[in-house]
Amino acid sequence: MSLPTAPELPGWTHSYSGKVRDLYVPAEGPDDTLLVVASNRVSAYDFVLEPPIPGKGALLTALSNWWFSRIDMPNHLADPQSAPRVPEEIANRAMLSRRLEMYPIECVVRGALTGSGFLEYQQTGSVCGIELPPGIEDGDLLETPIYTPAYKAPFGEHDENISFERSVELVGSEAAAALRDASLQIFTAARDLAAERGVILADTKFEFGRDPETGDLVLADEVLTSDSSRYWDASVYFDASLNRSERLASFDKQIVRNWLRSNWDQQGVPPVLPAEIVAQTQDRYRELYTRLTGATWA
């Protein structure tokens, strides 16, 4: 998958680009700080689509920062006094991050069963080695959230759902247990806060690193955004008059996925997104931000 060329930023050297984020290191001086810039790119089915979603990067960054300020554990945000100046043109979608030793685990927590987790449950009766009761249907809320880690595959490859036992093999028993416990603790607190605002946090993924100086577990990357999480409108979810697809409409790029499924056979390059699909997706991102934070996005 090819990505657009990352912009040049004064004082920073481009290091890496993912589907959505571009990473930079200081052009001069200590290399213990990273600049993480969220683009407006939108991806689906392993393609970066055109056009981008205006304002998406700033929304994701603002929502991550809002959650970081409410999560009681160390995070990756760095002291801005210890790094080069962040260029004004990307300041609202950039995070200064401490350099960490990242764990190769995506820490997925599911408070509901849907998506790939539900497909695995249909085939095996379990998810990532966790056996679940029979009779669960797509979108059902789980009595207790479950931790279902994934191995972070190299760029361009698919992540692999793994068992907790496999995560122990990858990072050791102490780190694996710490990743699981922190993920479940953060998810539970976030789920409860979202519920107060009429939003269901169905599932999410966290990424963690190790502070090379202290050895502390550190929450990193984005957190609880509409790109890393599945949120549902509680009033819609519990409306028995609606069909299942309506009840499970999420605050993310699902509108894009739905349009592609109806207008593309997944052969060759995907079509350009229509203006109305871009606008609807942008509105969905904005609505989640407002619902959670109480602030209107300009």
C-alpha atoms as a PDB file:
ATOM      1  CA  MET A   1       0.000   0.000   0.000  1.00  0.00           C
ATOM      2  CA  SER A   2       1.524   3.316  -1.058  1.00  0.00           C
ATOM      3  CA  LEU A   3       1.094   6.423   1.082  1.00  0.00           C
ATOM      4  CA  PRO A   4       1.183  10.109   0.178  1.00  0.00           C
ATOM      5  CA  THR A   5       4.535  11.768   0.760  1.00  0.00           C
ATOM      6  CA  ALA A   6       4.776  13.152   4.289  1.00  0.00           C
ATOM      7  CA  PRO A   7       5.241  16.939   4.386  1.00  0.00           C
ATOM      8  CA  GLU A   8       8.608  18.402   5.264  1.00  0.00           C
ATOM      9  CA  LEU A   9       8.622  20.125   8.673  1.00  0.00           C
ATOM     10  CA  PRO A  10      11.308  22.600   9.758  1.00  0.00           C
ATOM     11  CA  GLY A  11      13.348  21.216  12.649  1.00  0.00           C
ATOM     12  CA  TRP A  12      12.095  17.661  12.085  1.00  0.00           C
ATOM     13  CA  THR A  13      13.088  14.702   9.914  1.00  0.00           C
ATOM     14  CA  HIS A  14      10.451  12.303   8.626  1.00  0.00           C
ATOM     15  CA  SER A  15      10.962   8.821  10.079  1.00  0.00           C
ATOM     16  CA  TYR A  16       7.924   6.671   9.262  1.00  0.00           C
ATOM     17  CA  SER A  17       4.368   6.808   7.946  1.00  0.00           C
ATOM     18  CA  GLY A  18       1.453   4.540   8.730  1.00  0.00           C
ATOM     19  CA  LYS A  19      -2.041   4.558   7.291  1.00  0.00           C
ATOM     20  CA  VAL A  20      -2.987   7.674   9.238  1.00  0.00           C
ATOM     21  CA  ARG A  21       0.030   8.947  11.188  1.00  0.00           C
ATOM     22  CA  ASP A  22       3.411  10.359  10.195  1.00  0.00           C
ATOM     23  CA  LEU A  23       6.345  10.173  12.625  1.00  0.00           C
ATOM     24  CA  TYR A  24       9.220  12.650  12.803  1.00  0.00           C
ATOM     25  CA  VAL A  25      12.419  12.859  14.832  1.00  0.00           C
ATOM     26  CA  PRO A  26      14.322  16.047  15.717  1.00  0.00           C
ATOM     27  CA  ALA A  27      16.627  17.090  12.897  1.00  0.00           C
ATOM     28  CA  GLU A  28      19.225  18.055  15.491  1.00  0.00           C
ATOM     29  CA  GLY A  29      19.770  17.372  19.166  1.00  0.00           C
ATOM     30  CA  PRO A  30      18.537  14.509  21.405  1.00  0.00           C
ATOM     31  CA  ASP A  31      16.515  11.787  19.708  1.00  0.00           C
ATOM     32  CA  ASP A  32      14.404  10.876  22.734  1.00  0.00           C
ATOM     33  CA  THR A  33      11.363  12.757  21.366  1.00  0.00           C
ATOM     34  CA  LEU A  34       9.051  11.929  18.479  1.00  0.00           C
ATOM     35  CA  LEU A  35       6.524  14.114  16.708  1.00  0.00           C
ATOM     36  CA  VAL A  36       3.380  12.122  15.926  1.00  0.00           C
ATOM     37  CA  VAL A  37       1.252  13.856  13.299  1.00  0.00           C
ATOM     38  CA  ALA A  38      -2.262  12.604  12.580  1.00  0.00           C
ATOM     39  CA  SER A  39      -3.161  13.123   8.938  1.00  0.00           C
ATOM     40  CA  ASN A  40      -6.638  13.447   7.441  1.00  0.00           C
ATOM     41  CA  ARG A  41      -6.144  10.170   5.565  1.00  0.00           C
ATOM     42  CA  VAL A  42      -8.866   7.536   5.740  1.00  0.00           C
ATOM     43  CA  SER A  43      -8.198   3.874   5.013  1.00  0.00           C
ATOM     44  CA  ALA A  44     -10.318   0.803   4.385  1.00  0.00           C
ATOM     45  CA  TYR A  45      -9.569  -2.690   3.128  1.00  0.00           C
ATOM     46  CA  ASP A  46      -5.819  -1.935   3.225  1.00  0.00           C
ATOM     47  CA  PHE A  47      -6.117   1.081   0.914  1.00  0.00           C
ATOM     48  CA  VAL A  48      -5.662   4.747   1.710  1.00  0.00           C
ATOM     49  CA  LEU A  49      -8.664   6.377   0.071  1.00  0.00           C
ATOM     50  CA  GLU A  50      -9.225   9.632  -1.727  1.00  0.00           C
ATOM     51  CA  PRO A  51     -10.127  12.248  -0.800  1.00  0.00           C
ATOM     52  CA  PRO A  52      -9.101  12.602   2.867  1.00  0.00           C
ATOM     53  CA  ILE A  53     -11.608  13.581   5.557  1.00  0.00           C
ATOM     54  CA  PRO A  54     -11.136  17.315   6.345  1.00  0.00           C
ATOM     55  CA  GLY A  55     -10.243  17.966   9.980  1.00  0.00           C
ATOM     56  CA  LYS A  56      -9.983  14.268  10.882  1.00  0.00           C
ATOM     57  CA  GLY A  57      -6.408  14.468  12.146  1.00  0.00           C
ATOM     58  CA  ALA A  58      -7.149  17.356  14.466  1.00  0.00           C
ATOM     59  CA  LEU A  59     -10.283  15.617  15.796  1.00  0.00           C
ATOM     60  CA  LEU A  60      -8.409  12.398  16.557  1.00  0.00           C
ATOM     61  CA  THR A  61      -5.618  14.310  18.286  1.00  0.00           C
ATOM     62  CA  ALA A  62      -8.009  16.406  20.367  1.00  0.00           C
ATOM     63  CA  LEU A  63      -9.974  13.347  21.456  1.00  0.00           C
ATOM     64  CA  SER A  64      -6.806  11.450  22.372  1.00  0.00           C
ATOM     65  CA  ASN A  65      -5.601  14.386  24.459  1.00  0.00           C
ATOM     66  CA  TRP A  66      -8.991  14.617  26.165  1.00  0.00           C
ATOM     67  CA  TRP A  67      -8.791  10.957  27.150  1.00  0.00           C
ATOM     68  CA  PHE A  68      -5.116  11.129  28.172  1.00  0.00           C
ATOM     69  CA  SER A  69      -6.033  13.828  30.695  1.00  0.00           C
ATOM     70  CA  ARG A  70      -8.619  11.466  32.244  1.00  0.00           C
ATOM     71  CA  ILE A  71      -6.643   8.215  32.353  1.00  0.00           C
ATOM     72  CA  ASP A  72      -4.723   7.586  35.550  1.00  0.00           C
ATOM     73  CA  MET A  73      -1.502   6.117  34.201  1.00  0.00           C
ATOM     74  CA  PRO A  74       1.670   7.436  32.541  1.00  0.00           C
ATOM     75  CA  ASN A  75       1.309   8.332  28.872  1.00  0.00           C
ATOM     76  CA  HIS A  76       3.684   9.083  26.019  1.00  0.00           C
ATOM     77  CA  LEU A  77       3.207  12.870  25.918  1.00  0.00           C
ATOM     78  CA  ALA A  78       6.519  14.717  26.196  1.00  0.00           C
ATOM     79  CA  ASP A  79       7.451  18.050  27.712  1.00  0.00           C
ATOM     80  CA  PRO A  80       7.291  20.588  24.855  1.00  0.00           C
ATOM     81  CA  GLN A  81      10.177  22.507  26.435  1.00  0.00           C
ATOM     82  CA  SER A  82      12.536  19.598  25.688  1.00  0.00           C
ATOM     83  CA  ALA A  83      11.881  19.369  21.946  1.00  0.00           C
ATOM     84  CA  PRO A  84      12.089  21.528  18.812  1.00  0.00           C
ATOM     85  CA  ARG A  85       9.163  23.829  18.142  1.00  0.00           C
ATOM     86  CA  VAL A  86       6.116  22.173  16.595  1.00  0.00           C
ATOM     87  CA  PRO A  87       5.332  23.892  13.275  1.00  0.00           C
ATOM     88  CA  GLU A  88       2.175  25.950  13.518  1.00  0.00           C
ATOM     89  CA  GLU A  89       0.580  24.437  10.417  1.00  0.00           C
ATOM     90  CA  ILE A  90       0.290  20.981  12.026  1.00  0.00           C
ATOM     91  CA  ALA A  91       0.163  21.910  15.725  1.00  0.00           C
ATOM     92  CA  ASN A  92      -3.527  21.013  16.182  1.00  0.00           C
ATOM     93  CA  ARG A  93      -2.979  17.475  14.896  1.00  0.00           C
ATOM     94  CA  ALA A  94       0.416  16.698  16.400  1.00  0.00           C
ATOM     95  CA  MET A  95       1.573  15.150  19.667  1.00  0.00           C
ATOM     96  CA  LEU A  96       5.062  15.368  21.109  1.00  0.00           C
ATOM     97  CA  SER A  97       5.865  11.889  22.327  1.00  0.00           C
ATOM     98  CA  ARG A  98       8.586  10.370  24.451  1.00  0.00           C
ATOM     99  CA  ARG A  99      10.514   7.628  22.674  1.00  0.00           C
ATOM    100  CA  LEU A 100       9.498   4.282  24.171  1.00  0.00           C
ATOM    101  CA  GLU A 101      10.289   0.617  23.703  1.00  0.00           C
ATOM    102  CA  MET A 102       6.978  -0.367  22.130  1.00  0.00           C
ATOM    103  CA  TYR A 103       5.392  -3.742  22.813  1.00  0.00           C
ATOM    104  CA  PRO A 104       4.447  -5.696  19.651  1.00  0.00           C
ATOM    105  CA  ILE A 105       0.939  -6.246  21.018  1.00  0.00           C
ATOM    106  CA  GLU A 106      -2.318  -4.505  20.162  1.00  0.00           C
ATOM    107  CA  CYS A 107      -4.240  -4.655  23.417  1.00  0.00           C
ATOM    108  CA  VAL A 108      -7.831  -5.165  22.312  1.00  0.00           C
ATOM    109  CA  VAL A 109     -10.672  -5.065  24.826  1.00  0.00           C
ATOM    110  CA  ARG A 110     -14.200  -6.043  23.845  1.00  0.00           C
ATOM    111  CA  GLY A 111     -17.250  -5.005  25.825  1.00  0.00           C
ATOM    112  CA  ALA A 112     -19.488  -6.270  23.037  1.00  0.00           C
ATOM    113  CA  LEU A 113     -19.117  -8.977  20.439  1.00  0.00           C
ATOM    114  CA  THR A 114     -19.087  -7.813  16.837  1.00  0.00           C
ATOM    115  CA  GLY A 115     -16.734  -7.572  13.870  1.00  0.00           C
ATOM    116  CA  SER A 116     -13.877 -10.069  13.665  1.00  0.00           C
ATOM    117  CA  GLY A 117     -14.508 -11.186  17.247  1.00  0.00           C
ATOM    118  CA  PHE A 118     -18.058 -12.221  16.438  1.00  0.00           C
ATOM    119  CA  LEU A 119     -16.913 -14.076  13.311  1.00  0.00           C
ATOM    120  CA  GLU A 120     -14.376 -16.032  15.369  1.00  0.00           C
ATOM    121  CA  TYR A 121     -17.035 -16.776  17.990  1.00  0.00           C
ATOM    122  CA  GLN A 122     -19.388 -18.128  15.301  1.00  0.00           C
ATOM    123  CA  GLN A 123     -16.678 -20.506  14.109  1.00  0.00           C
ATOM    124  CA  THR A 124     -15.200 -21.630  17.422  1.00  0.00           C
ATOM    125  CA  GLY A 125     -17.419 -20.504  20.292  1.00  0.00           C
ATOM    126  CA  SER A 126     -14.480 -18.511  21.621  1.00  0.00           C
ATOM    127  CA  VAL A 127     -12.418 -15.380  20.943  1.00  0.00           C
ATOM    128  CA  CYS A 128      -8.630 -15.505  21.228  1.00  0.00           C
ATOM    129  CA  GLY A 129      -8.925 -18.670  23.312  1.00  0.00           C
ATOM    130  CA  ILE A 130     -11.601 -17.265  25.648  1.00  0.00           C
ATOM    131  CA  GLU A 131     -14.672 -19.513  25.621  1.00  0.00           C
ATOM    132  CA  LEU A 132     -17.989 -17.653  25.649  1.00  0.00           C
ATOM    133  CA  PRO A 133     -21.559 -18.781  26.369  1.00  0.00           C
ATOM    134  CA  PRO A 134     -23.650 -20.029  23.444  1.00  0.00           C
ATOM    135  CA  GLY A 135     -26.343 -17.883  21.863  1.00  0.00           C
ATOM    136  CA  ILE A 136     -24.490 -14.555  21.634  1.00  0.00           C
ATOM    137  CA  GLU A 137     -25.608 -12.522  18.626  1.00  0.00           C
ATOM    138  CA  ASP A 138     -23.826  -9.820  16.664  1.00  0.00           C
ATOM    139  CA  GLY A 139     -23.548  -6.668  18.790  1.00  0.00           C
ATOM    140  CA  ASP A 140     -24.559  -8.236  22.101  1.00  0.00           C
ATOM    141  CA  LEU A 141     -22.970  -6.612  25.150  1.00  0.00           C
ATOM    142  CA  LEU A 142     -20.785  -8.896  27.250  1.00  0.00           C
ATOM    143  CA  GLU A 143     -21.389  -9.182  30.969  1.00  0.00           C
ATOM    144  CA  THR A 144     -17.649  -8.782  31.563  1.00  0.00           C
ATOM    145  CA  PRO A 145     -15.239  -7.186  29.055  1.00  0.00           C
ATOM    146  CA  ILE A 146     -12.684  -9.572  27.565  1.00  0.00           C
ATOM    147  CA  TYR A 147      -9.042  -8.973  26.662  1.00  0.00           C
ATOM    148  CA  THR A 148      -8.247 -10.291  23.184  1.00  0.00           C
ATOM    149  CA  PRO A 149      -4.723  -9.257  22.148  1.00  0.00           C
ATOM    150  CA  ALA A 150      -3.342  -9.163  18.619  1.00  0.00           C
ATOM    151  CA  TYR A 151       0.197  -9.404  17.317  1.00  0.00           C
ATOM    152  CA  LYS A 152       1.205  -6.214  15.496  1.00  0.00           C
ATOM    153  CA  ALA A 153       2.223  -7.404  12.051  1.00  0.00           C
ATOM    154  CA  PRO A 154       4.792  -5.535   9.942  1.00  0.00           C
ATOM    155  CA  PHE A 155       3.426  -2.655   7.879  1.00  0.00           C
ATOM    156  CA  GLY A 156       1.322  -3.880   4.955  1.00  0.00           C
ATOM    157  CA  GLU A 157       0.399  -7.162   6.643  1.00  0.00           C
ATOM    158  CA  HIS A 158      -2.648  -8.043   8.714  1.00  0.00           C
ATOM    159  CA  ASP A 159      -2.475  -8.102  12.510  1.00  0.00           C
ATOM    160  CA  GLU A 160      -2.988 -11.578  13.986  1.00  0.00           C
ATOM    161  CA  ASN A 161      -5.408 -12.266  16.834  1.00  0.00           C
ATOM    162  CA  ILE A 162      -3.580 -14.249  19.508  1.00  0.00           C
ATOM    163  CA  SER A 163      -4.276 -15.888  22.851  1.00  0.00           C
ATOM    164  CA  PHE A 164      -3.041 -14.469  26.130  1.00  0.00           C
ATOM    165  CA  GLU A 165      -0.669 -17.431  26.329  1.00  0.00           C
ATOM    166  CA  ARG A 166       0.858 -16.423  22.996  1.00  0.00           C
ATOM    167  CA  SER A 167       1.315 -12.843  24.269  1.00  0.00           C
ATOM    168  CA  VAL A 168       3.270 -14.303  27.201  1.00  0.00           C
ATOM    169  CA  GLU A 169       5.578 -16.017  24.714  1.00  0.00           C
ATOM    170  CA  LEU A 170       6.095 -12.710  22.899  1.00  0.00           C
ATOM    171  CA  VAL A 171       6.721 -10.319  25.804  1.00  0.00           C
ATOM    172  CA  GLY A 172       7.050 -12.429  28.956  1.00  0.00           C
ATOM    173  CA  SER A 173       4.553 -13.252  31.695  1.00  0.00           C
ATOM    174  CA  GLU A 174       5.018 -10.077  33.758  1.00  0.00           C
ATOM    175  CA  ALA A 175       4.631  -7.679  30.831  1.00  0.00           C
ATOM    176  CA  ALA A 176       1.730  -9.657  29.340  1.00  0.00           C
ATOM    177  CA  ALA A 177      -0.182  -9.528  32.623  1.00  0.00           C
ATOM    178  CA  ALA A 178       0.535  -5.806  33.020  1.00  0.00           C
ATOM    179  CA  LEU A 179      -0.715  -5.090  29.479  1.00  0.00           C
ATOM    180  CA  ARG A 180      -3.897  -7.074  30.098  1.00  0.00           C
ATOM    181  CA  ASP A 181      -4.652  -5.563  33.490  1.00  0.00           C
ATOM    182  CA  ALA A 182      -4.003  -1.969  32.376  1.00  0.00           C
ATOM    183  CA  SER A 183      -6.135  -2.440  29.257  1.00  0.00           C
ATOM    184  CA  LEU A 184      -9.100  -3.804  31.173  1.00  0.00           C
ATOM    185  CA  GLN A 185      -8.818  -1.101  33.842  1.00  0.00           C
ATOM    186  CA  ILE A 186      -8.700   1.748  31.298  1.00  0.00           C
ATOM    187  CA  PHE A 187     -11.505   0.256  29.220  1.00  0.00           C
ATOM    188  CA  THR A 188     -13.809  -0.144  32.224  1.00  0.00           C
ATOM    189  CA  ALA A 189     -13.306   3.453  33.360  1.00  0.00           C
ATOM    190  CA  ALA A 190     -13.741   4.786  29.801  1.00  0.00           C
ATOM    191  CA  ARG A 191     -16.852   2.664  29.200  1.00  0.00           C
ATOM    192  CA  ASP A 192     -18.461   4.054  32.338  1.00  0.00           C
ATOM    193  CA  LEU A 193     -17.613   7.646  31.440  1.00  0.00           C
ATOM    194  CA  ALA A 194     -18.937   7.206  27.894  1.00  0.00           C
ATOM    195  CA  ALA A 195     -22.148   5.678  29.267  1.00  0.00           C
ATOM    196  CA  GLU A 196     -22.758   8.839  31.304  1.00  0.00           C
ATOM    197  CA  ARG A 197     -22.787  10.678  27.962  1.00  0.00           C
ATOM    198  CA  GLY A 198     -25.184   8.287  26.260  1.00  0.00           C
ATOM    199  CA  VAL A 199     -22.484   6.466  24.292  1.00  0.00           C
ATOM    200  CA  ILE A 200     -21.589   2.758  24.360  1.00  0.00           C
ATOM    201  CA  LEU A 201     -17.903   1.904  24.109  1.00  0.00           C
ATOM    202  CA  ALA A 202     -18.166  -1.457  22.356  1.00  0.00           C
ATOM    203  CA  ASP A 203     -14.465  -2.201  21.885  1.00  0.00           C
ATOM    204  CA  THR A 204     -11.098  -0.525  21.535  1.00  0.00           C
ATOM    205  CA  LYS A 205      -7.391  -1.173  21.143  1.00  0.00           C
ATOM    206  CA  PHE A 206      -4.557   0.246  23.191  1.00  0.00           C
ATOM    207  CA  GLU A 207      -0.839   0.359  22.530  1.00  0.00           C
ATOM    208  CA  PHE A 208       1.778   0.501  25.255  1.00  0.00           C
ATOM    209  CA  GLY A 209       5.486   0.995  25.517  1.00  0.00           C
ATOM    210  CA  ARG A 210       8.152   0.636  28.165  1.00  0.00           C
ATOM    211  CA  ASP A 211       9.973   3.688  29.469  1.00  0.00           C
ATOM    212  CA  PRO A 212      13.637   2.776  28.832  1.00  0.00           C
ATOM    213  CA  GLU A 213      14.796   4.745  31.888  1.00  0.00           C
ATOM    214  CA  THR A 214      12.256   3.701  34.537  1.00  0.00           C
ATOM    215  CA  GLY A 215      10.836   0.491  33.103  1.00  0.00           C
ATOM    216  CA  ASP A 216       7.306   1.858  33.631  1.00  0.00           C
ATOM    217  CA  LEU A 217       4.409   0.787  31.453  1.00  0.00           C
ATOM    218  CA  VAL A 218       3.332   3.784  29.346  1.00  0.00           C
ATOM    219  CA  LEU A 219       0.134   4.306  27.367  1.00  0.00           C
ATOM    220  CA  ALA A 220       1.054   5.402  23.839  1.00  0.00           C
ATOM    221  CA  ASP A 221      -0.205   6.262  20.365  1.00  0.00           C
ATOM    222  CA  GLU A 222      -3.839   7.354  20.027  1.00  0.00           C
ATOM    223  CA  VAL A 223      -6.320   6.357  22.699  1.00  0.00           C
ATOM    224  CA  LEU A 224     -10.081   5.764  22.593  1.00  0.00           C
ATOM    225  CA  THR A 225     -10.572   7.636  19.326  1.00  0.00           C
ATOM    226  CA  SER A 226     -13.124   6.813  16.658  1.00  0.00           C
ATOM    227  CA  ASP A 227     -10.311   5.216  14.612  1.00  0.00           C
ATOM    228  CA  SER A 228      -9.148   2.900  17.399  1.00  0.00           C
ATOM    229  CA  SER A 229     -12.534   2.221  19.005  1.00  0.00           C
ATOM    230  CA  ARG A 230     -16.085   1.278  18.175  1.00  0.00           C
ATOM    231  CA  TYR A 231     -18.710   3.526  19.777  1.00  0.00           C
ATOM    232  CA  TRP A 232     -22.496   3.241  19.489  1.00  0.00           C
ATOM    233  CA  ASP A 233     -25.277   5.686  20.321  1.00  0.00           C
ATOM    234  CA  ALA A 234     -26.978   4.158  23.386  1.00  0.00           C
ATOM    235  CA  SER A 235     -30.428   5.535  22.541  1.00  0.00           C
ATOM    236  CA  VAL A 236     -30.214   3.987  19.067  1.00  0.00           C
ATOM    237  CA  TYR A 237     -28.703   0.715  20.305  1.00  0.00           C
ATOM    238  CA  PHE A 238     -31.558   0.066  22.719  1.00  0.00           C
ATOM    239  CA  ASP A 239     -34.306   1.079  20.257  1.00  0.00           C
ATOM    240  CA  ALA A 240     -36.075  -2.232  19.578  1.00  0.00           C
ATOM    241  CA  SER A 241     -37.913  -0.777  16.568  1.00  0.00           C
ATOM    242  CA  LEU A 242     -34.656  -0.535  14.571  1.00  0.00           C
ATOM    243  CA  ASN A 243     -32.936  -3.336  12.709  1.00  0.00           C
ATOM    244  CA  ARG A 244     -29.537  -4.606  13.818  1.00  0.00           C
ATOM    245  CA  SER A 245     -27.471  -2.645  11.290  1.00  0.00           C
ATOM    246  CA  GLU A 246     -29.175   0.596  12.337  1.00  0.00           C
ATOM    247  CA  ARG A 247     -28.666  -0.139  16.035  1.00  0.00           C
ATOM    248  CA  LEU A 248     -24.958  -0.865  15.497  1.00  0.00           C
ATOM    249  CA  ALA A 249     -24.159   2.255  13.449  1.00  0.00           C
ATOM    250  CA  SER A 250     -20.811   3.382  14.840  1.00  0.00           C
ATOM    251  CA  PHE A 251     -19.166   6.794  15.227  1.00  0.00           C
ATOM    252  CA  ASP A 252     -16.369   6.151  12.761  1.00  0.00           C
ATOM    253  CA  LYS A 253     -15.626   5.417   9.098  1.00  0.00           C
ATOM    254  CA  GLN A 254     -18.268   2.684   8.823  1.00  0.00           C
ATOM    255  CA  ILE A 255     -20.112   4.943   6.380  1.00  0.00           C
ATOM    256  CA  VAL A 256     -17.063   4.680   4.107  1.00  0.00           C
ATOM    257  CA  ARG A 257     -16.885   0.895   4.421  1.00  0.00           C
ATOM    258  CA  ASN A 258     -20.591   0.545   3.668  1.00  0.00           C
ATOM    259  CA  TRP A 259     -20.320   2.712   0.555  1.00  0.00           C
ATOM    260  CA  LEU A 260     -17.314   0.763  -0.708  1.00  0.00           C
ATOM    261  CA  ARG A 261     -19.096  -2.567  -0.217  1.00  0.00           C
ATOM    262  CA  SER A 262     -21.950  -1.309  -2.390  1.00  0.00           C
ATOM    263  CA  ASN A 263     -19.809   0.396  -5.048  1.00  0.00           C
ATOM    264  CA  TRP A 264     -16.579  -1.574  -5.345  1.00  0.00           C
ATOM    265  CA  ASP A 265     -15.791  -5.257  -5.951  1.00  0.00           C
ATOM    266  CA  GLN A 266     -12.447  -4.965  -4.101  1.00  0.00           C
ATOM    267  CA  GLN A 267     -10.576  -5.485  -7.352  1.00  0.00           C
ATOM    268  CA  GLY A 268      -7.952  -2.930  -8.341  1.00  0.00           C
ATOM    269  CA  VAL A 269      -7.850   0.569  -6.900  1.00  0.00           C
ATOM    270  CA  PRO A 270     -10.939   1.695  -4.926  1.00  0.00           C
ATOM    271  CA  PRO A 271     -13.067   4.499  -6.345  1.00  0.00           C
ATOM    272  CA  VAL A 272     -12.889   8.102  -5.155  1.00  0.00           C
ATOM    273  CA  LEU A 273     -15.288   8.775  -2.287  1.00  0.00           C
ATOM    274  CA  PRO A 274     -18.263  11.002  -3.167  1.00  0.00           C
ATOM    275  CA  ALA A 275     -18.474  14.382  -1.453  1.00  0.00           C
ATOM    276  CA  GLU A 276     -21.581  13.357   0.490  1.00  0.00           C
ATOM    277  CA  ILE A 277     -19.850  10.286   1.955  1.00  0.00           C
ATOM    278  CA  VAL A 278     -16.894  12.437   3.021  1.00  0.00           C
ATOM    279  CA  ALA A 279     -19.259  14.971   4.640  1.00  0.00           C
ATOM    280  CA  GLN A 280     -21.287  12.300   6.447  1.00  0.00           C
ATOM    281  CA  THR A 281     -18.120  10.661   7.798  1.00  0.00           C
ATOM    282  CA  GLN A 282     -16.776  14.022   8.962  1.00  0.00           C
ATOM    283  CA  ASP A 283     -20.062  14.720  10.761  1.00  0.00           C
ATOM    284  CA  ARG A 284     -19.900  11.339  12.494  1.00  0.00           C
ATOM    285  CA  TYR A 285     -16.397  12.032  13.841  1.00  0.00           C
ATOM    286  CA  ARG A 286     -17.506  15.468  15.028  1.00  0.00           C
ATOM    287  CA  GLU A 287     -20.616  14.113  16.715  1.00  0.00           C
ATOM    288  CA  LEU A 288     -18.635  11.643  18.812  1.00  0.00           C
ATOM    289  CA  TYR A 289     -16.228  14.363  19.939  1.00  0.00           C
ATOM    290  CA  THR A 290     -19.117  16.573  21.027  1.00  0.00           C
ATOM    291  CA  ARG A 291     -21.006  13.743  22.715  1.00  0.00           C
ATOM    292  CA  LEU A 292     -18.000  12.714  24.785  1.00  0.00           C
ATOM    293  CA  THR A 293     -16.384  16.055  25.605  1.00  0.00           C
ATOM    294  CA  GLY A 294     -19.427  18.350  25.628  1.00  0.00           C
ATOM    295  CA  ALA A 295     -17.527  20.808  23.417  1.00  0.00           C
ATOM    296  CA  THR A 296     -18.682  21.827  19.958  1.00  0.00           C
ATOM    297  CA  TRP A 297     -16.105  21.220  17.239  1.00  0.00           C
ATOM    298  CA  ALA A 298     -15.609  24.356  15.173  1.00  0.00           C
END
